[in-house]
Amino acid sequence: MTTLRHHQFRIEASHPSLPGHFPGNPLVPGVVILDHVLQLLGPELDSPRQLAWVKFVRPLLPDQVADVELQIDATTVRFKVTHAGIALASGLLRQESPEEGAAT
């Protein structure tokens, strides 16, 4: 069974990662976007997850509201990040198998 969740977040222009990414023309770093996606999963999905793939197609600018859609099932989480209906990023997290977790 698939569960859908929708969330929003905004990275303020004062965020400490922005001055270096890129000076004079700041963009929200992809790792900051991914961090917010992972935080939105919540503690009930705290099992180890592996980022199978992610694609960034447009930048998120400071102070823009990002909309996140999560499609959650037993072993995977698909996510889409948009702003004003325009795709910014998407990806797939999958549950890590015990063998994968032991190798790290």
Protein backbone atom coordinates (compact mmCIF):
# COMPACT_ATOMS: atom_id res chain seq x y z
CA MET A 1 0.00 0.00 0.00
CA THR A 2 1.35 3.43 -0.94
CA THR A 3 1.04 6.43 1.37
CA LEU A 4 1.18 9.97 -0.01
CA ARG A 5 2.45 12.88 2.06
CA HIS A 6 2.77 16.54 1.13
CA HIS A 7 4.96 19.07 2.91
CA GLN A 8 6.44 22.50 2.35
CA PHE A 9 9.66 24.12 3.44
CA ARG A 10 11.54 27.35 2.83
CA ILE A 11 15.25 28.07 3.14
CA GLU A 12 15.78 31.62 4.40
CA ALA A 13 18.27 33.91 2.67
CA SER A 14 20.25 33.93 5.94
CA HIS A 15 20.93 30.14 5.81
CA PRO A 16 24.67 29.56 6.48
CA SER A 17 25.20 27.49 3.29
CA LEU A 18 24.14 30.25 0.91
CA PRO A 19 27.05 32.73 0.94
CA GLY A 20 29.39 30.12 -0.58
CA HIS A 21 26.86 28.64 -2.98
CA PHE A 22 27.24 30.89 -5.09
CA PRO A 23 28.52 34.33 -4.01
CA GLY A 24 26.31 37.07 -5.42
CA ASN A 25 23.82 34.57 -6.91
CA PRO A 26 22.89 32.14 -4.11
CA LEU A 27 21.20 28.80 -4.81
CA VAL A 28 20.03 26.32 -2.19
CA PRO A 29 22.52 23.42 -2.28
CA GLY A 30 21.10 20.04 -3.28
CA VAL A 31 22.30 18.50 -0.02
CA VAL A 32 20.15 21.00 1.92
CA ILE A 33 17.10 20.02 -0.16
CA LEU A 34 17.82 16.31 0.43
CA ASP A 35 18.24 16.93 4.15
CA HIS A 36 14.74 18.44 4.28
CA VAL A 37 13.29 15.49 2.35
CA LEU A 38 14.88 13.05 4.81
CA GLN A 39 13.63 15.04 7.82
CA LEU A 40 10.09 14.86 6.41
CA LEU A 41 10.12 11.06 6.49
CA GLY A 42 9.77 11.12 10.26
CA PRO A 43 10.79 8.60 12.89
CA GLU A 44 8.43 5.86 11.70
CA LEU A 45 10.60 5.49 8.59
CA ASP A 46 13.85 5.53 10.52
CA SER A 47 15.15 2.29 8.99
CA PRO A 48 18.37 2.65 7.00
CA ARG A 49 17.67 4.00 3.53
CA GLN A 50 19.87 4.16 0.47
CA LEU A 51 19.59 6.95 -2.08
CA ALA A 52 19.06 4.95 -5.27
CA TRP A 53 18.99 8.05 -7.47
CA VAL A 54 18.28 11.75 -7.43
CA LYS A 55 17.91 14.27 -10.24
CA PHE A 56 18.06 18.05 -9.86
CA VAL A 57 16.49 19.83 -12.84
CA ARG A 58 16.10 23.43 -11.61
CA PRO A 59 17.52 25.40 -8.69
CA LEU A 60 15.70 26.40 -5.55
CA LEU A 61 16.37 30.01 -4.65
CA PRO A 62 16.52 31.43 -1.11
CA ASP A 63 13.12 32.27 0.39
CA GLN A 64 11.20 30.26 -2.23
CA VAL A 65 8.66 27.78 -0.88
CA ALA A 66 9.41 24.21 -1.90
CA ASP A 67 6.59 21.65 -2.08
CA VAL A 68 7.54 18.04 -1.38
CA GLU A 69 5.47 15.02 -2.34
CA LEU A 70 6.44 11.68 -0.79
CA GLN A 71 5.13 8.35 -2.08
CA ILE A 72 5.93 5.83 0.62
CA ASP A 73 5.58 2.08 0.46
CA ALA A 74 7.14 -0.79 2.42
CA THR A 75 10.59 -0.65 0.79
CA THR A 76 10.84 2.62 -1.16
CA VAL A 77 10.18 6.33 -0.91
CA ARG A 78 9.79 8.32 -4.11
CA PHE A 79 9.97 12.08 -3.78
CA LYS A 80 9.32 15.13 -5.92
CA VAL A 81 10.30 18.67 -5.01
CA THR A 82 8.59 21.53 -6.84
CA HIS A 83 8.21 25.29 -6.61
CA ALA A 84 5.06 26.94 -8.00
CA GLY A 85 4.27 23.70 -9.83
CA ILE A 86 7.68 23.54 -11.54
CA ALA A 87 9.83 20.45 -10.94
CA LEU A 88 13.08 21.07 -9.06
CA ALA A 89 14.19 17.60 -8.00
CA SER A 90 13.07 13.99 -7.74
CA GLY A 91 14.52 10.78 -6.44
CA LEU A 92 14.14 7.34 -4.94
CA LEU A 93 15.15 6.06 -1.53
CA ARG A 94 15.06 2.34 -0.97
CA GLN A 95 15.35 0.28 2.17
CA GLU A 96 18.87 -0.93 2.70
CA SER A 97 19.20 -4.71 2.80
CA PRO A 98 21.02 -6.25 5.80
CA GLU A 99 23.91 -7.25 3.51
CA GLU A 100 24.33 -3.65 2.25
CA GLY A 101 24.26 -2.28 5.78
CA ALA A 102 26.91 -4.77 6.96
CA ALA A 103 29.30 -3.74 4.17
CA THR A 104 29.59 -0.15 5.39
